[in-house]
Amino acid sequence: EKLRISIHTASNHRTRILKKLNLKNT
């Protein structure tokens, strides 16, 4: 809502960030 993007896109960003940093969770 804040960035005016879809939930799917926001979720993909979160997943991609974790993958790049080799982290499991928030």
PDB file of all heavy atoms in Angstrom:
ATOM      1  N   GLU A   1       0.827  -1.212   0.000  1.00  0.00           N
ATOM      2  CA  GLU A   1       0.000   0.000   0.000  1.00  0.00           C
ATOM      3  C   GLU A   1       0.858   1.257   0.000  1.00  0.00           C
ATOM      4  O   GLU A   1       0.569   2.217  -0.728  1.00  0.00           O
ATOM      5  CB  GLU A   1      -0.927  -0.009   1.217  1.00  0.00           C
ATOM      6  CG  GLU A   1      -1.988  -1.113   1.157  1.00  0.00           C
ATOM      7  CD  GLU A   1      -2.773  -1.232   2.447  1.00  0.00           C
ATOM      8  OE1 GLU A   1      -2.445  -0.503   3.419  1.00  0.00           O
ATOM      9  OE2 GLU A   1      -3.711  -2.054   2.498  1.00  0.00           O
ATOM     10  N   LYS A   2       1.913   1.254   0.794  1.00  0.00           N
ATOM     11  CA  LYS A   2       2.759   2.448   0.905  1.00  0.00           C
ATOM     12  C   LYS A   2       3.507   2.727  -0.396  1.00  0.00           C
ATOM     13  O   LYS A   2       3.643   3.887  -0.811  1.00  0.00           O
ATOM     14  CB  LYS A   2       3.759   2.288   2.053  1.00  0.00           C
ATOM     15  CG  LYS A   2       4.581   3.546   2.334  1.00  0.00           C
ATOM     16  CD  LYS A   2       5.405   3.388   3.588  1.00  0.00           C
ATOM     17  CE  LYS A   2       6.189   4.661   3.894  1.00  0.00           C
ATOM     18  NZ  LYS A   2       5.306   5.811   4.201  1.00  0.00           N
ATOM     19  N   LEU A   3       3.986   1.673  -1.043  1.00  0.00           N
ATOM     20  CA  LEU A   3       4.763   1.841  -2.268  1.00  0.00           C
ATOM     21  C   LEU A   3       3.900   1.761  -3.530  1.00  0.00           C
ATOM     22  O   LEU A   3       4.412   1.887  -4.644  1.00  0.00           O
ATOM     23  CB  LEU A   3       5.874   0.787  -2.337  1.00  0.00           C
ATOM     24  CG  LEU A   3       6.905   0.819  -1.206  1.00  0.00           C
ATOM     25  CD1 LEU A   3       7.967  -0.249  -1.426  1.00  0.00           C
ATOM     26  CD2 LEU A   3       7.554   2.194  -1.095  1.00  0.00           C
ATOM     27  N   ARG A   4       2.601   1.521  -3.331  1.00  0.00           N
ATOM     28  CA  ARG A   4       1.659   1.409  -4.443  1.00  0.00           C
ATOM     29  C   ARG A   4       2.069   0.324  -5.436  1.00  0.00           C
ATOM     30  O   ARG A   4       2.120   0.532  -6.649  1.00  0.00           O
ATOM     31  CB  ARG A   4       1.507   2.759  -5.150  1.00  0.00           C
ATOM     32  CG  ARG A   4       0.921   3.835  -4.241  1.00  0.00           C
ATOM     33  CD  ARG A   4       0.708   5.140  -4.973  1.00  0.00           C
ATOM     34  NE  ARG A   4       0.134   6.149  -4.081  1.00  0.00           N
ATOM     35  CZ  ARG A   4      -0.163   7.396  -4.457  1.00  0.00           C
ATOM     36  NH1 ARG A   4       0.063   7.780  -5.714  1.00  0.00           N
ATOM     37  NH2 ARG A   4      -0.680   8.245  -3.588  1.00  0.00           N
ATOM     38  N   ILE A   5       2.392  -0.825  -4.873  1.00  0.00           N
ATOM     39  CA  ILE A   5       2.706  -2.000  -5.685  1.00  0.00           C
ATOM     40  C   ILE A   5       1.808  -3.135  -5.211  1.00  0.00           C
ATOM     41  O   ILE A   5       1.203  -3.057  -4.137  1.00  0.00           O
ATOM     42  CB  ILE A   5       4.192  -2.415  -5.555  1.00  0.00           C
ATOM     43  CG1 ILE A   5       4.549  -2.680  -4.076  1.00  0.00           C
ATOM     44  CG2 ILE A   5       5.111  -1.355  -6.146  1.00  0.00           C
ATOM     45  CD1 ILE A   5       5.980  -3.132  -3.857  1.00  0.00           C
ATOM     46  N   SER A   6       1.698  -4.183  -5.996  1.00  0.00           N
ATOM     47  CA  SER A   6       0.841  -5.304  -5.607  1.00  0.00           C
ATOM     48  C   SER A   6       1.466  -6.084  -4.449  1.00  0.00           C
ATOM     49  O   SER A   6       2.681  -6.010  -4.224  1.00  0.00           O
ATOM     50  CB  SER A   6       0.631  -6.255  -6.793  1.00  0.00           C
ATOM     51  OG  SER A   6       1.836  -6.937  -7.097  1.00  0.00           O
ATOM     52  N   ILE A   7       0.618  -6.812  -3.735  1.00  0.00           N
ATOM     53  CA  ILE A   7       1.115  -7.663  -2.646  1.00  0.00           C
ATOM     54  C   ILE A   7       2.090  -8.693  -3.205  1.00  0.00           C
ATOM     55  O   ILE A   7       3.113  -9.006  -2.589  1.00  0.00           O
ATOM     56  CB  ILE A   7      -0.052  -8.366  -1.920  1.00  0.00           C
ATOM     57  CG1 ILE A   7      -0.936  -7.331  -1.216  1.00  0.00           C
ATOM     58  CG2 ILE A   7       0.467  -9.384  -0.916  1.00  0.00           C
ATOM     59  CD1 ILE A   7      -2.130  -7.917  -0.512  1.00  0.00           C
ATOM     60  N   HIS A   8       1.784  -9.212  -4.373  1.00  0.00           N
ATOM     61  CA  HIS A   8       2.649 -10.197  -5.028  1.00  0.00           C
ATOM     62  C   HIS A   8       4.039  -9.617  -5.281  1.00  0.00           C
ATOM     63  O   HIS A   8       5.055 -10.272  -5.003  1.00  0.00           O
ATOM     64  CB  HIS A   8       2.015 -10.641  -6.349  1.00  0.00           C
ATOM     65  CG  HIS A   8       2.840 -11.632  -7.113  1.00  0.00           C
ATOM     66  ND1 HIS A   8       3.008 -12.938  -6.704  1.00  0.00           N
ATOM     67  CD2 HIS A   8       3.565 -11.488  -8.255  1.00  0.00           C
ATOM     68  CE1 HIS A   8       3.786 -13.571  -7.558  1.00  0.00           C
ATOM     69  NE2 HIS A   8       4.136 -12.716  -8.509  1.00  0.00           N
ATOM     70  N   THR A   9       4.082  -8.378  -5.770  1.00  0.00           N
ATOM     71  CA  THR A   9       5.371  -7.727  -6.034  1.00  0.00           C
ATOM     72  C   THR A   9       6.130  -7.477  -4.738  1.00  0.00           C
ATOM     73  O   THR A   9       7.341  -7.707  -4.651  1.00  0.00           O
ATOM     74  CB  THR A   9       5.153  -6.394  -6.776  1.00  0.00           C
ATOM     75  OG1 THR A   9       4.503  -6.646  -8.019  1.00  0.00           O
ATOM     76  CG2 THR A   9       6.480  -5.691  -7.028  1.00  0.00           C
ATOM     77  N   ALA A  10       5.416  -7.020  -3.714  1.00  0.00           N
ATOM     78  CA  ALA A  10       6.048  -6.771  -2.408  1.00  0.00           C
ATOM     79  C   ALA A  10       6.617  -8.061  -1.828  1.00  0.00           C
ATOM     80  O   ALA A  10       7.726  -8.086  -1.287  1.00  0.00           O
ATOM     81  CB  ALA A  10       5.036  -6.153  -1.444  1.00  0.00           C
ATOM     82  N   SER A  11       5.849  -9.133  -1.959  1.00  0.00           N
ATOM     83  CA  SER A  11       6.294 -10.434  -1.459  1.00  0.00           C
ATOM     84  C   SER A  11       7.519 -10.931  -2.230  1.00  0.00           C
ATOM     85  O   SER A  11       8.458 -11.481  -1.638  1.00  0.00           O
ATOM     86  CB  SER A  11       5.152 -11.447  -1.582  1.00  0.00           C
ATOM     87  OG  SER A  11       5.562 -12.724  -1.119  1.00  0.00           O
ATOM     88  N   ASN A  12       7.515 -10.703  -3.537  1.00  0.00           N
ATOM     89  CA  ASN A  12       8.662 -11.113  -4.356  1.00  0.00           C
ATOM     90  C   ASN A  12       9.923 -10.347  -3.979  1.00  0.00           C
ATOM     91  O   ASN A  12      11.025 -10.907  -3.951  1.00  0.00           O
ATOM     92  CB  ASN A  12       8.361 -10.911  -5.846  1.00  0.00           C
ATOM     93  CG  ASN A  12       7.476 -11.998  -6.404  1.00  0.00           C
ATOM     94  OD1 ASN A  12       7.302 -13.049  -5.794  1.00  0.00           O
ATOM     95  ND2 ASN A  12       6.894 -11.750  -7.573  1.00  0.00           N
ATOM     96  N   HIS A  13       9.756  -9.050  -3.698  1.00  0.00           N
ATOM     97  CA  HIS A  13      10.897  -8.242  -3.260  1.00  0.00           C
ATOM     98  C   HIS A  13      11.479  -8.811  -1.959  1.00  0.00           C
ATOM     99  O   HIS A  13      12.693  -8.949  -1.820  1.00  0.00           O
ATOM    100  CB  HIS A  13      10.470  -6.791  -3.032  1.00  0.00           C
ATOM    101  CG  HIS A  13      10.483  -5.950  -4.271  1.00  0.00           C
ATOM    102  ND1 HIS A  13      11.613  -5.756  -5.028  1.00  0.00           N
ATOM    103  CD2 HIS A  13       9.491  -5.242  -4.882  1.00  0.00           C
ATOM    104  CE1 HIS A  13      11.335  -4.959  -6.052  1.00  0.00           C
ATOM    105  NE2 HIS A  13      10.047  -4.637  -5.991  1.00  0.00           N
ATOM    106  N   ARG A  14      10.603  -9.131  -1.018  1.00  0.00           N
ATOM    107  CA  ARG A  14      11.041  -9.670   0.267  1.00  0.00           C
ATOM    108  C   ARG A  14      11.812 -10.987   0.061  1.00  0.00           C
ATOM    109  O   ARG A  14      12.886 -11.183   0.630  1.00  0.00           O
ATOM    110  CB  ARG A  14       9.830  -9.905   1.178  1.00  0.00           C
ATOM    111  CG  ARG A  14      10.188 -10.408   2.570  1.00  0.00           C
ATOM    112  CD  ARG A  14       8.918 -10.834   3.310  1.00  0.00           C
ATOM    113  NE  ARG A  14       8.071  -9.701   3.638  1.00  0.00           N
ATOM    114  CZ  ARG A  14       8.080  -9.094   4.817  1.00  0.00           C
ATOM    115  NH1 ARG A  14       8.906  -9.501   5.768  1.00  0.00           N
ATOM    116  NH2 ARG A  14       7.258  -8.090   5.053  1.00  0.00           N
ATOM    117  N   THR A  15      11.254 -11.852  -0.762  1.00  0.00           N
ATOM    118  CA  THR A  15      11.891 -13.143  -1.035  1.00  0.00           C
ATOM    119  C   THR A  15      13.252 -12.956  -1.700  1.00  0.00           C
ATOM    120  O   THR A  15      14.230 -13.627  -1.346  1.00  0.00           O
ATOM    121  CB  THR A  15      10.992 -14.008  -1.945  1.00  0.00           C
ATOM    122  OG1 THR A  15       9.741 -14.227  -1.282  1.00  0.00           O
ATOM    123  CG2 THR A  15      11.643 -15.345  -2.232  1.00  0.00           C
ATOM    124  N   ARG A  16      13.323 -12.032  -2.643  1.00  0.00           N
ATOM    125  CA  ARG A  16      14.570 -11.786  -3.382  1.00  0.00           C
ATOM    126  C   ARG A  16      15.645 -11.207  -2.455  1.00  0.00           C
ATOM    127  O   ARG A  16      16.827 -11.579  -2.559  1.00  0.00           O
ATOM    128  CB  ARG A  16      14.305 -10.858  -4.556  1.00  0.00           C
ATOM    129  CG  ARG A  16      15.462 -10.732  -5.530  1.00  0.00           C
ATOM    130  CD  ARG A  16      15.019 -10.283  -6.905  1.00  0.00           C
ATOM    131  NE  ARG A  16      14.129  -9.140  -6.873  1.00  0.00           N
ATOM    132  CZ  ARG A  16      12.840  -9.185  -7.244  1.00  0.00           C
ATOM    133  NH1 ARG A  16      12.295 -10.314  -7.650  1.00  0.00           N
ATOM    134  NH2 ARG A  16      12.082  -8.100  -7.198  1.00  0.00           N
ATOM    135  N   ILE A  17      15.241 -10.329  -1.547  1.00  0.00           N
ATOM    136  CA  ILE A  17      16.186  -9.742  -0.595  1.00  0.00           C
ATOM    137  C   ILE A  17      16.788 -10.837   0.291  1.00  0.00           C
ATOM    138  O   ILE A  17      18.009 -10.893   0.494  1.00  0.00           O
ATOM    139  CB  ILE A  17      15.490  -8.674   0.278  1.00  0.00           C
ATOM    140  CG1 ILE A  17      15.186  -7.428  -0.572  1.00  0.00           C
ATOM    141  CG2 ILE A  17      16.366  -8.280   1.472  1.00  0.00           C
ATOM    142  CD1 ILE A  17      14.220  -6.458   0.098  1.00  0.00           C
ATOM    143  N   LEU A  18      15.946 -11.705   0.822  1.00  0.00           N
ATOM    144  CA  LEU A  18      16.428 -12.786   1.680  1.00  0.00           C
ATOM    145  C   LEU A  18      17.379 -13.708   0.919  1.00  0.00           C
ATOM    146  O   LEU A  18      18.399 -14.161   1.459  1.00  0.00           O
ATOM    147  CB  LEU A  18      15.245 -13.593   2.237  1.00  0.00           C
ATOM    148  CG  LEU A  18      14.322 -12.862   3.215  1.00  0.00           C
ATOM    149  CD1 LEU A  18      13.165 -13.766   3.619  1.00  0.00           C
ATOM    150  CD2 LEU A  18      15.091 -12.419   4.461  1.00  0.00           C
ATOM    151  N   LYS A  19      17.038 -13.982  -0.343  1.00  0.00           N
ATOM    152  CA  LYS A  19      17.885 -14.863  -1.155  1.00  0.00           C
ATOM    153  C   LYS A  19      19.247 -14.222  -1.415  1.00  0.00           C
ATOM    154  O   LYS A  19      20.288 -14.884  -1.316  1.00  0.00           O
ATOM    155  CB  LYS A  19      17.183 -15.175  -2.478  1.00  0.00           C
ATOM    156  CG  LYS A  19      17.929 -16.184  -3.335  1.00  0.00           C
ATOM    157  CD  LYS A  19      17.135 -16.549  -4.586  1.00  0.00           C
ATOM    158  CE  LYS A  19      17.888 -17.587  -5.419  1.00  0.00           C
ATOM    159  NZ  LYS A  19      17.124 -17.966  -6.637  1.00  0.00           N
ATOM    160  N   LYS A  20      19.251 -12.936  -1.747  1.00  0.00           N
ATOM    161  CA  LYS A  20      20.515 -12.232  -2.011  1.00  0.00           C
ATOM    162  C   LYS A  20      21.423 -12.239  -0.786  1.00  0.00           C
ATOM    163  O   LYS A  20      22.648 -12.386  -0.908  1.00  0.00           O
ATOM    164  CB  LYS A  20      20.240 -10.784  -2.428  1.00  0.00           C
ATOM    165  CG  LYS A  20      19.782 -10.603  -3.858  1.00  0.00           C
ATOM    166  CD  LYS A  20      19.669  -9.117  -4.184  1.00  0.00           C
ATOM    167  CE  LYS A  20      19.286  -8.895  -5.647  1.00  0.00           C
ATOM    168  NZ  LYS A  20      19.223  -7.454  -5.986  1.00  0.00           N
ATOM    169  N   LEU A  21      20.822 -12.071   0.377  1.00  0.00           N
ATOM    170  CA  LEU A  21      21.606 -11.985   1.616  1.00  0.00           C
ATOM    171  C   LEU A  21      21.816 -13.343   2.270  1.00  0.00           C
ATOM    172  O   LEU A  21      22.454 -13.433   3.322  1.00  0.00           O
ATOM    173  CB  LEU A  21      20.901 -11.040   2.602  1.00  0.00           C
ATOM    174  CG  LEU A  21      20.729  -9.596   2.124  1.00  0.00           C
ATOM    175  CD1 LEU A  21      19.936  -8.787   3.146  1.00  0.00           C
ATOM    176  CD2 LEU A  21      22.084  -8.943   1.867  1.00  0.00           C
ATOM    177  N   ASN A  22      21.268 -14.389   1.655  1.00  0.00           N
ATOM    178  CA  ASN A  22      21.397 -15.753   2.177  1.00  0.00           C
ATOM    179  C   ASN A  22      20.840 -15.848   3.600  1.00  0.00           C
ATOM    180  O   ASN A  22      21.466 -16.418   4.499  1.00  0.00           O
ATOM    181  CB  ASN A  22      22.856 -16.215   2.149  1.00  0.00           C
ATOM    182  CG  ASN A  22      22.984 -17.722   2.354  1.00  0.00           C
ATOM    183  OD1 ASN A  22      22.075 -18.485   2.012  1.00  0.00           O
ATOM    184  ND2 ASN A  22      24.100 -18.147   2.915  1.00  0.00           N
ATOM    185  N   LEU A  23      19.652 -15.272   3.787  1.00  0.00           N
ATOM    186  CA  LEU A  23      18.983 -15.277   5.084  1.00  0.00           C
ATOM    187  C   LEU A  23      17.695 -16.081   4.988  1.00  0.00           C
ATOM    188  O   LEU A  23      17.106 -16.204   3.912  1.00  0.00           O
ATOM    189  CB  LEU A  23      18.676 -13.844   5.530  1.00  0.00           C
ATOM    190  CG  LEU A  23      19.885 -12.907   5.641  1.00  0.00           C
ATOM    191  CD1 LEU A  23      19.418 -11.488   5.913  1.00  0.00           C
ATOM    192  CD2 LEU A  23      20.839 -13.384   6.734  1.00  0.00           C
ATOM    193  N   LYS A  24      17.245 -16.609   6.130  1.00  0.00           N
ATOM    194  CA  LYS A  24      16.070 -17.480   6.122  1.00  0.00           C
ATOM    195  C   LYS A  24      14.768 -16.755   6.403  1.00  0.00           C
ATOM    196  O   LYS A  24      13.703 -17.175   5.943  1.00  0.00           O
ATOM    197  CB  LYS A  24      16.253 -18.613   7.146  1.00  0.00           C
ATOM    198  CG  LYS A  24      17.353 -19.599   6.776  1.00  0.00           C
ATOM    199  CD  LYS A  24      17.465 -20.715   7.802  1.00  0.00           C
ATOM    200  CE  LYS A  24      18.003 -20.198   9.117  1.00  0.00           C
ATOM    201  NZ  LYS A  24      18.250 -21.284  10.095  1.00  0.00           N
ATOM    202  N   ASN A  25      14.820 -15.703   7.191  1.00  0.00           N
ATOM    203  CA  ASN A  25      13.573 -15.061   7.592  1.00  0.00           C
ATOM    204  C   ASN A  25      13.797 -13.598   7.947  1.00  0.00           C
ATOM    205  O   ASN A  25      14.934 -13.098   7.920  1.00  0.00           O
ATOM    206  CB  ASN A  25      12.949 -15.809   8.780  1.00  0.00           C
ATOM    207  CG  ASN A  25      13.946 -16.007   9.909  1.00  0.00           C
ATOM    208  OD1 ASN A  25      14.659 -15.078  10.295  1.00  0.00           O
ATOM    209  ND2 ASN A  25      14.016 -17.222  10.439  1.00  0.00           N
ATOM    210  N   THR A  26      12.711 -12.931   8.286  1.00  0.00           N
ATOM    211  CA  THR A  26      12.783 -11.510   8.590  1.00  0.00           C
ATOM    212  C   THR A  26      13.580 -11.229   9.859  1.00  0.00           C
ATOM    213  O   THR A  26      14.249 -10.203   9.955  1.00  0.00           O
ATOM    214  CB  THR A  26      11.363 -10.924   8.723  1.00  0.00           C
ATOM    215  OG1 THR A  26      10.653 -11.172   7.512  1.00  0.00           O
ATOM    216  CG2 THR A  26      11.403  -9.430   8.973  1.00  0.00           C
TER     217      THR A  26
END
